[in-house]
Protein backbone atom coordinates (compact mmCIF):
# COMPACT_ATOMS: atom_id res chain seq x y z
CA MET A 1 33.38 29.28 -0.18
CA ARG A 2 32.61 29.18 3.07
CA SER A 3 34.38 26.79 5.63
CA GLU A 4 34.87 26.42 9.43
CA PRO A 5 38.33 26.10 10.16
CA ARG A 6 39.28 22.58 11.69
CA ASN A 7 42.04 22.02 14.52
CA ASN A 8 43.90 18.86 13.58
CA SER A 9 47.95 20.01 15.00
CA THR A 10 50.06 22.80 15.81
CA ASP A 11 51.95 21.43 13.21
CA GLU A 12 49.79 20.69 10.22
CA PRO A 13 48.16 22.30 7.84
CA SER A 14 43.74 22.68 9.34
CA TRP A 15 41.33 20.95 8.15
CA SER A 16 37.67 23.13 7.09
CA THR A 17 34.35 21.54 6.42
CA SER A 18 31.86 23.41 4.11
CA ALA A 19 28.01 21.95 3.56
CA LEU A 20 27.42 19.81 0.36
CA LYS A 21 25.51 22.64 -1.45
CA ASP A 22 29.24 24.50 -1.56
CA LEU A 23 31.46 21.72 -3.16
CA VAL A 24 28.32 21.18 -6.60
CA ASP A 25 28.61 22.60 -9.68
CA ASP A 26 26.02 25.13 -11.18
CA ARG A 27 23.59 22.26 -11.77
CA GLY A 28 22.67 21.64 -8.11
CA ILE A 29 22.00 19.23 -6.53
CA THR A 30 18.89 17.06 -8.15
CA TYR A 31 16.63 13.96 -8.13
CA GLY A 32 16.00 12.16 -11.42
CA VAL A 33 13.39 10.97 -13.80
CA VAL A 34 9.67 11.49 -12.22
CA GLN A 35 7.81 8.82 -14.02
CA PRO A 36 9.98 6.64 -16.54
CA GLY A 37 7.42 5.06 -17.97
CA GLY A 38 8.05 1.44 -19.81
CA ASP A 39 11.15 -0.49 -20.72
CA GLN A 40 12.53 0.53 -23.71
CA PRO A 41 15.30 -0.95 -24.82
CA GLU A 42 16.71 1.34 -27.39
CA GLY A 43 16.08 4.10 -24.48
CA VAL A 44 18.18 5.97 -22.48
CA PRO A 45 19.44 3.55 -19.34
CA ILE A 46 18.66 5.34 -16.06
CA VAL A 47 20.47 4.09 -12.41
CA ARG A 48 17.96 2.72 -10.05
CA VAL A 49 18.36 2.06 -6.73
CA ASN A 50 18.70 -1.76 -7.07
CA ASN A 51 21.96 -0.85 -9.08
CA PHE A 52 23.51 0.09 -5.60
CA THR A 53 26.34 -2.30 -3.88
CA ALA A 54 28.79 -1.87 -1.57
CA THR A 55 31.38 0.81 -3.19
CA GLY A 56 29.48 1.59 -6.50
CA LEU A 57 26.80 0.38 -9.02
CA ASP A 58 25.75 -3.15 -10.40
CA LEU A 59 24.51 -2.31 -13.97
CA ARG A 60 23.86 -6.19 -15.06
CA GLU A 61 19.83 -5.63 -15.35
CA VAL A 62 19.10 -1.71 -16.53
CA LEU A 63 15.62 0.24 -17.13
CA ARG A 64 16.31 2.23 -20.50
CA ILE A 65 13.47 5.10 -21.03
CA ASP A 66 12.39 7.15 -23.70
CA PRO A 67 14.63 9.30 -24.77
CA GLU A 68 12.27 12.59 -25.22
CA ILE A 69 11.34 12.05 -21.02
CA ALA A 70 15.43 11.51 -20.39
CA ALA A 71 15.07 14.84 -22.39
CA LYS A 72 13.22 16.26 -19.55
CA HIS A 73 15.71 15.56 -16.95
CA LYS A 74 18.61 17.04 -17.94
CA ARG A 75 19.78 18.37 -14.89
CA SER A 76 19.58 15.05 -13.81
CA ARG A 77 21.62 13.83 -16.58
CA LEU A 78 25.10 12.36 -15.94
CA ALA A 79 28.31 13.00 -17.44
CA GLY A 80 30.69 11.17 -15.31
CA GLY A 81 32.04 12.02 -12.03
CA GLU A 82 29.08 13.53 -10.15
CA VAL A 83 27.71 10.88 -6.85
CA LEU A 84 25.29 9.49 -6.44
CA ILE A 85 22.81 8.84 -3.27
CA THR A 86 19.91 6.70 -2.89
CA LEU A 87 17.47 9.16 -1.20
CA VAL A 88 13.76 6.32 -0.74
CA GLY A 89 13.56 2.96 0.92
CA SER A 90 17.52 1.91 1.49
CA VAL A 91 18.30 5.69 1.52
CA GLY A 92 22.48 6.60 2.31
CA GLN A 93 23.64 3.93 -0.53
CA VAL A 94 26.71 6.17 -2.75
CA ALA A 95 28.07 5.72 -5.34
CA VAL A 96 30.41 7.68 -7.53
CA VAL A 97 29.40 8.14 -11.89
CA PRO A 98 32.25 6.53 -14.12
CA ALA A 99 32.97 7.84 -17.28
CA ALA A 100 31.36 5.04 -19.64
CA LEU A 101 27.40 6.05 -17.74
CA ASP A 102 28.16 9.87 -20.14
CA GLY A 103 24.44 10.44 -21.12
CA TRP A 104 23.04 8.41 -18.17
CA ASN A 105 20.24 9.24 -16.49
CA VAL A 106 18.68 8.43 -13.34
CA ALA A 107 15.59 7.77 -11.69
CA ARG A 108 13.31 9.51 -9.31
CA ALA A 109 14.78 7.70 -5.83
CA VAL A 110 18.21 8.74 -6.97
CA GLY A 111 20.50 11.17 -5.95
CA VAL A 112 22.22 13.35 -7.78
CA ILE A 113 25.59 14.95 -6.64
CA PRO A 114 27.05 16.93 -9.36
CA VAL A 115 31.15 17.72 -7.38
CA ARG A 116 32.99 20.55 -8.52
CA ARG A 117 36.11 19.30 -11.03
CA ASP A 118 38.58 21.10 -8.55
CA VAL A 119 36.98 18.85 -5.53
CA SER A 120 37.69 14.72 -5.02
CA SER A 121 34.15 13.19 -5.95
CA GLN A 122 35.41 10.11 -4.53
CA TRP A 123 36.43 12.00 -1.40
CA VAL A 124 32.88 13.39 -0.69
CA ALA A 125 31.63 9.93 -1.43
CA TRP A 126 33.14 8.83 2.02
CA CYS A 127 32.74 11.03 3.31
CA LEU A 128 28.83 10.40 3.07
CA ARG A 129 29.21 7.15 3.50
CA THR A 130 30.88 8.19 7.71
CA PRO A 131 28.16 7.27 10.69
CA GLU A 132 28.55 11.02 11.30
CA ALA A 133 26.83 11.85 7.93
CA ILE A 134 24.25 8.98 7.90
CA ARG A 135 23.67 10.01 11.77
CA TYR A 136 23.05 13.45 10.68
CA LEU A 137 20.66 12.88 7.84
CA ASP A 138 19.16 9.53 8.86
CA ALA A 139 17.64 12.12 12.09
CA ARG A 140 16.07 14.34 9.30
CA LEU A 141 14.37 11.49 7.40
CA ASN A 142 10.77 11.65 6.13
CA THR A 143 9.48 8.21 7.09
CA THR A 144 5.80 9.20 6.85
CA VAL A 145 5.37 6.38 3.75
CA GLN A 146 9.28 4.77 3.31
CA ARG A 147 11.91 6.59 4.23
CA THR A 148 12.87 9.73 2.02
CA MET A 149 15.58 11.76 1.79
CA ASN A 150 15.52 15.77 1.19
CA LEU A 151 17.64 17.56 -0.73
CA ARG A 152 17.88 20.76 1.31
CA ASP A 153 19.14 18.93 4.44
CA LEU A 154 21.34 16.49 2.15
CA ALA A 155 22.83 19.75 0.73
CA SER A 156 23.06 21.51 4.44
CA LEU A 157 25.84 18.56 5.51
CA ARG A 158 28.73 19.72 6.52
CA ILE A 159 32.02 17.50 4.55
CA PRO A 160 35.07 18.04 6.27
CA LEU A 161 37.99 19.34 3.89
CA PRO A 162 41.42 18.37 4.90
CA PRO A 163 44.70 19.24 2.98
CA ILE A 164 45.31 17.63 -0.15
CA GLY A 165 47.69 15.72 1.33
CA ALA A 166 46.16 13.90 3.44
CA ILE A 167 43.18 13.95 1.11
CA ARG A 168 45.88 11.72 -1.09
CA ILE A 169 46.71 9.13 1.55
CA ILE A 170 43.56 8.51 2.49
CA SER A 171 42.48 8.21 -0.29
CA SER A 172 45.17 5.87 -1.42
CA VAL A 173 44.67 3.51 1.80
CA LEU A 174 40.77 3.20 0.97
CA GLY A 175 41.55 3.16 -2.43
CA VAL A 176 42.80 -0.43 -1.65
CA LEU A 177 40.36 -1.61 0.60
CA ASP A 178 37.40 -0.54 -2.68
CA ASP A 179 39.54 -2.21 -4.81
CA LYS A 180 39.50 -5.15 -3.32
CA ILE A 181 35.89 -5.58 -2.41
CA ASP A 182 35.01 -4.86 -6.19
CA SER A 183 37.24 -7.49 -7.87
CA ASN A 184 35.49 -10.46 -4.84
CA GLN A 185 32.18 -8.86 -6.41
CA ARG A 186 32.89 -9.31 -9.10
CA LEU A 187 34.44 -12.98 -9.18
CA ALA A 188 31.73 -13.52 -7.44
CA THR A 189 29.11 -12.52 -9.53
CA LEU A 190 30.55 -14.79 -12.32
CA LEU A 191 29.91 -17.89 -9.66
CA GLU A 192 26.67 -16.94 -9.00
CA GLU A 193 25.88 -16.64 -13.09
CA VAL A 194 27.15 -19.89 -13.93
CA ALA A 195 25.31 -21.44 -10.88
CA GLU A 196 22.57 -19.47 -13.02
CA THR A 197 22.55 -21.11 -15.85
CA LEU A 198 22.71 -24.18 -15.25
CA PHE A 199 19.11 -23.88 -12.99
CA ARG A 200 17.83 -21.88 -15.97
CA ALA A 201 19.26 -25.27 -18.59
CA ARG A 202 17.13 -27.63 -15.32
CA PHE A 203 14.25 -24.99 -14.56
CA VAL A 204 13.15 -22.89 -16.97
CA ASP A 205 14.37 -24.81 -20.20
CA PHE A 206 13.93 -28.07 -19.39
CA VAL A 207 17.19 -29.63 -21.60
CA GLY A 208 16.93 -32.54 -22.34
CA VAL A 209 13.35 -33.19 -20.84
CA GLU A 210 11.16 -35.39 -23.52
CA ASN A 211 8.53 -35.87 -21.39
CA LEU A 212 6.17 -32.35 -20.93
CA LYS A 213 2.67 -31.58 -19.77
CA ASP A 214 0.42 -28.40 -20.11
CA SER A 215 -0.14 -26.66 -16.54
CA GLU A 216 -1.59 -23.76 -15.24
CA ILE A 217 2.39 -21.81 -15.54
CA GLY A 218 2.93 -23.52 -19.33
CA GLN A 219 4.33 -26.90 -20.05
CA ILE A 220 6.42 -28.53 -16.68
CA PRO A 221 8.14 -32.19 -16.88
CA ALA A 222 5.41 -34.82 -16.83
CA ASN A 223 6.36 -35.64 -13.13
CA TRP A 224 6.55 -32.04 -11.94
CA ARG A 225 3.97 -30.28 -10.26
CA SER A 226 2.29 -26.76 -10.58
CA GLY A 227 1.96 -24.84 -6.69
CA ILE A 228 2.91 -21.65 -4.90
CA ILE A 229 5.94 -20.43 -3.50
CA ARG A 230 3.99 -21.19 0.11
CA ASP A 231 4.78 -25.19 -1.32
CA LEU A 232 8.99 -23.53 -1.28
CA ALA A 233 9.01 -21.63 1.58
CA VAL A 234 7.50 -19.53 4.19
CA LEU A 235 7.95 -15.44 4.19
CA ARG A 236 9.06 -14.21 7.82
CA TYR A 237 9.22 -10.36 8.85
CA GLY A 238 12.62 -8.60 8.63
CA LYS A 239 13.45 -6.22 11.48
CA ALA A 240 14.28 -2.65 11.49
CA LEU A 241 17.85 -1.06 12.55
CA ARG A 242 18.32 2.11 11.56
CA ALA A 243 21.54 3.22 10.09
CA ALA A 244 22.44 4.97 13.36
CA GLU A 245 21.99 2.14 15.32
CA ARG A 246 25.15 -0.26 13.37
CA VAL A 247 28.13 -0.90 14.64
CA ALA A 248 30.33 -1.28 12.08
CA GLY A 249 31.17 -6.00 12.02
CA LEU A 250 31.17 -9.17 9.78
CA VAL A 251 26.92 -9.14 10.08
CA ALA A 252 25.25 -7.83 7.16
CA VAL A 253 22.64 -5.71 6.84
CA VAL A 254 20.30 -5.94 4.28
CA GLY A 255 17.95 -3.95 2.37
CA SER A 256 15.45 -4.48 -0.05
CA SER A 257 18.56 -3.87 -2.65
CA GLY A 258 20.92 -5.72 -1.62
CA VAL A 259 23.44 -5.08 1.53
CA ILE A 260 23.57 -1.72 2.49
CA GLY A 261 25.89 -2.23 5.57
CA THR A 262 27.46 -3.92 8.50
CA HIS A 263 26.71 -5.11 12.16
CA THR A 264 27.94 -7.44 15.07
CA ARG A 265 24.92 -8.97 15.57
CA HIS A 266 22.72 -11.08 13.90
CA LEU A 267 18.61 -11.68 13.15
CA VAL A 268 18.48 -14.82 11.25
CA GLU A 269 21.80 -17.08 10.19
CA GLY A 270 22.63 -17.35 6.53
CA PRO A 271 22.73 -18.70 4.10
CA ALA A 272 19.67 -17.02 3.92
CA VAL A 273 17.15 -15.11 0.95
CA VAL A 274 16.03 -11.59 1.11
CA ILE A 275 12.87 -10.53 -0.70
CA GLY A 276 11.98 -6.40 -1.01
CA ARG A 277 8.84 -5.48 0.71
CA LYS A 278 9.38 -2.41 0.23
CA GLY A 279 11.53 0.36 -1.76
CA THR A 280 13.26 -1.72 -4.47
CA VAL A 281 10.27 -3.88 -4.70
CA GLY A 282 10.35 -7.93 -5.12
CA SER A 283 13.73 -8.05 -5.11
CA VAL A 284 15.98 -11.87 -4.10
CA ILE A 285 18.88 -11.48 -2.41
CA TRP A 286 21.22 -13.92 -1.13
CA VAL A 287 23.05 -13.48 1.66
CA GLY A 288 26.20 -16.04 2.49
CA CYS A 289 27.00 -15.26 6.05
CA ASN A 290 25.02 -14.40 9.18
CA ALA A 291 22.66 -11.16 8.05
CA TRP A 292 20.92 -8.60 9.73
CA PRO A 293 17.28 -8.06 7.23
CA ILE A 294 15.54 -5.12 8.09
CA ASP A 295 11.81 -4.30 8.21
CA THR A 296 11.98 -3.36 4.61
CA THR A 297 12.48 -7.16 3.41
CA PHE A 298 10.87 -10.61 4.01
CA VAL A 299 13.07 -14.00 5.13
CA ALA A 300 12.76 -16.46 3.29
CA GLU A 301 12.39 -19.62 4.70
CA PRO A 302 12.48 -22.71 2.92
CA ILE A 303 10.72 -25.56 3.64
CA GLU A 304 12.23 -29.64 4.08
CA GLY A 305 13.73 -30.62 0.77
CA VAL A 306 14.09 -27.13 -0.62
CA HIS A 307 17.55 -26.31 -1.41
CA PRO A 308 18.29 -21.92 -0.55
CA ILE A 309 20.58 -21.34 -3.97
CA PHE A 310 17.22 -23.83 -5.95
CA LEU A 311 14.56 -21.22 -3.83
CA TYR A 312 16.80 -18.26 -4.43
CA PHE A 313 17.02 -18.83 -8.13
CA MET A 314 13.10 -20.08 -8.76
CA LEU A 315 12.60 -16.36 -6.92
CA ARG A 316 14.53 -14.46 -9.16
CA GLN A 317 12.03 -16.36 -11.51
CA ALA A 318 9.05 -16.08 -10.07
CA ASP A 319 9.39 -12.21 -11.31
CA LEU A 320 7.69 -11.16 -8.13
CA PRO A 321 8.38 -7.74 -9.16
CA HIS A 322 4.66 -8.01 -10.86
CA LEU A 323 3.04 -8.53 -8.28
CA THR A 324 2.75 -5.37 -7.00
CA ALA A 325 2.28 -3.54 -10.34
CA ASP A 326 -0.59 -5.98 -11.29
CA THR A 327 -2.29 -4.53 -7.98
CA GLY A 328 -1.34 -0.73 -7.54
CA VAL A 329 0.06 -0.59 -4.00
CA PRO A 330 3.22 0.43 -3.30
CA GLY A 331 4.75 -2.75 -1.57
CA LEU A 332 4.93 -6.74 -1.37
CA ASN A 333 1.86 -8.10 0.18
CA ARG A 334 3.03 -11.36 1.86
CA ASP A 335 -0.59 -13.49 1.54
CA ALA A 336 0.42 -12.54 -2.48
CA ALA A 337 3.53 -13.71 -2.80
CA GLU A 338 3.01 -16.88 -0.95
CA ARG A 339 -0.07 -17.33 -3.51
CA HIS A 340 2.52 -16.90 -6.57
CA ALA A 341 1.99 -19.92 -9.02
CA VAL A 342 5.64 -21.13 -9.38
CA LEU A 343 7.79 -24.62 -11.00
CA VAL A 344 7.30 -27.51 -7.92
CA PRO A 345 10.19 -29.93 -9.31
CA SER A 346 10.27 -33.32 -7.27
CA ARG A 347 12.88 -33.19 -4.75
CA ASP A 348 15.44 -34.94 -6.50
CA ALA A 349 15.94 -32.53 -9.12
CA VAL A 350 16.22 -30.39 -6.90
CA SER A 351 19.02 -31.80 -4.62
CA ASP A 352 20.94 -32.82 -7.83
CA PHE A 353 20.94 -29.69 -9.19
CA ALA A 354 21.58 -28.41 -5.25
CA SER A 355 25.15 -30.76 -5.90
CA VAL A 356 26.34 -29.10 -9.08
CA ALA A 357 26.26 -25.29 -7.87
CA GLU A 358 26.59 -25.87 -3.88
CA PRO A 359 30.75 -25.60 -4.02
CA TRP A 360 30.31 -22.83 -6.30
CA PHE A 361 28.11 -21.11 -3.84
CA LYS A 362 30.58 -21.80 -1.61
CA GLN A 363 33.35 -20.01 -2.86
CA ARG A 364 31.79 -17.55 -4.10
CA ASP A 365 30.66 -17.31 -0.03
CA HIS A 366 34.14 -17.45 0.79
CA LEU A 367 34.48 -13.98 -1.73
CA HIS A 368 31.62 -12.37 0.11
CA LYS A 369 33.19 -12.76 3.84
CA GLU A 370 36.05 -11.56 2.93
CA VAL A 371 34.43 -8.75 1.10
CA ALA A 372 32.72 -8.14 4.98
CA THR A 373 35.80 -8.63 6.69
CA LEU A 374 37.31 -5.97 4.18
CA THR A 375 34.20 -3.55 4.44
CA ALA A 376 34.25 -3.56 8.13
CA ILE A 377 37.98 -2.78 7.70
CA ARG A 378 36.83 0.56 6.11
CA ASP A 379 33.52 1.30 7.97
CA ALA A 380 35.43 1.52 11.25
CA LEU A 381 38.66 3.05 9.55
CA LEU A 382 36.06 6.13 7.94
CA PRO A 383 35.53 7.93 10.71
CA LYS A 384 38.97 8.35 12.57
CA LEU A 385 40.64 8.71 8.66
CA ILE A 386 38.14 11.37 7.81
CA SER A 387 37.13 12.99 11.33
CA SER A 388 41.61 13.15 11.13
CA GLU A 389 41.35 11.23 14.97
CA ILE A 390 43.46 8.55 13.05
CA ARG A 391 46.77 10.45 12.25
CA VAL A 392 48.22 9.21 8.66
CA PRO A 393 51.09 8.12 7.94
CA ASP A 394 53.41 10.28 5.18
CA THR A 395 53.75 6.43 3.31
CA ASN A 396 53.03 5.13 0.31
CA ASP A 397 52.09 2.28 1.95
CA PRO A 398 47.87 1.44 2.86
CA GLU A 399 49.05 -1.47 4.53
CA GLU A 400 50.47 0.89 7.43
CA VAL A 401 47.11 1.68 7.93
CA ILE A 402 44.80 -1.19 7.13
CA GLY A 403 47.31 -4.10 8.81
CA PRO A 404 47.23 -2.71 12.77
CA ALA A 405 43.19 -2.33 11.70
CA ALA A 406 42.45 -5.37 10.77
CA GLU A 407 43.98 -6.79 13.59
CA GLU A 408 42.17 -4.24 15.83
CA LEU A 409 39.16 -5.44 14.49
CA ALA A 410 39.91 -9.06 15.33
CA ALA A 411 40.44 -8.32 18.24
CA ALA A 412 36.89 -6.85 18.52
CA THR A 413 35.67 -9.68 17.07
CA PRO A 414 33.49 -12.28 18.93
């Protein structure tokens, strides 16, 4: 393995760097299935861009493809331990493949980095999240049609390699933060699922409603009407914010696949409902805090009398991705989206639902606020630890590093 020595101090083993391509096994860095076809309930599951989160993967909604198609993409077949990175749209999101995904595959927009067994996959994943790596890759993106990462540029990225003792301590610190972030996200997801169950009972299955009438969207309660999304919300464009321009903070940076980072300034005040315009087209994302939706998204501003939580679930129910599937246009057209047919309930029904769901979402948002704080601490520590700017203490207590970082972040936050 070719490497370049890197001075840390005279009394410690030196750090080195290596090109990412030299840290992978014989499969090499590759991407996944180009034309996956339609969903096959008994097929091979694949990881797509919309499955990525701030710390890993959310696999609640998974596309399954024909096994014959998957068999043609053996290089991208997962065994567990690979590092995945998004290559198109919301570029640069990273996850380590758990062992449970053995036999899965990935979509064309996802890169597979099969890290060698003698190299830490988690370490490589953290290195890919550093501002230095993000700036390197961001400067080389193809933006002719949409943001796309070239595998050759990815393979040339240099990865710092500290002594094994430093990797152990740094991994302990970052692992504690990632574990807490993941725990909060799981509980927040559970709260959202409870609210969604209530929404479906009231606005999809019409539980307890006996008087229904026919409409262009099917049978609906007699005192409600069919309408269009514009009757519920106005769609506004997001604004570009390159990864290299972001400063780690408590504002969520939102792309079409979800929260993709943090920043110190916001574009919209939370809570906000964001729709994927390019990349993960038609996705609907709830953001409970102040946010910066980037230019691959729309912000759905509810009209008077429409609660944001109701709007969030109604837009998810609207199945917006099919608007692009029907037209063949690579992106969601604002006018077409606003004219999309939806159910328009009475304002009393919306208010009653919101009064029950809002406490759940407040707890959900509190958990995500903690996630934002923990993510900001992690993202502030990450480059300093990996570049050896912070000398990690020889300790088994990660709080010795996390505590001072949290205090520094709190002092710097307006």
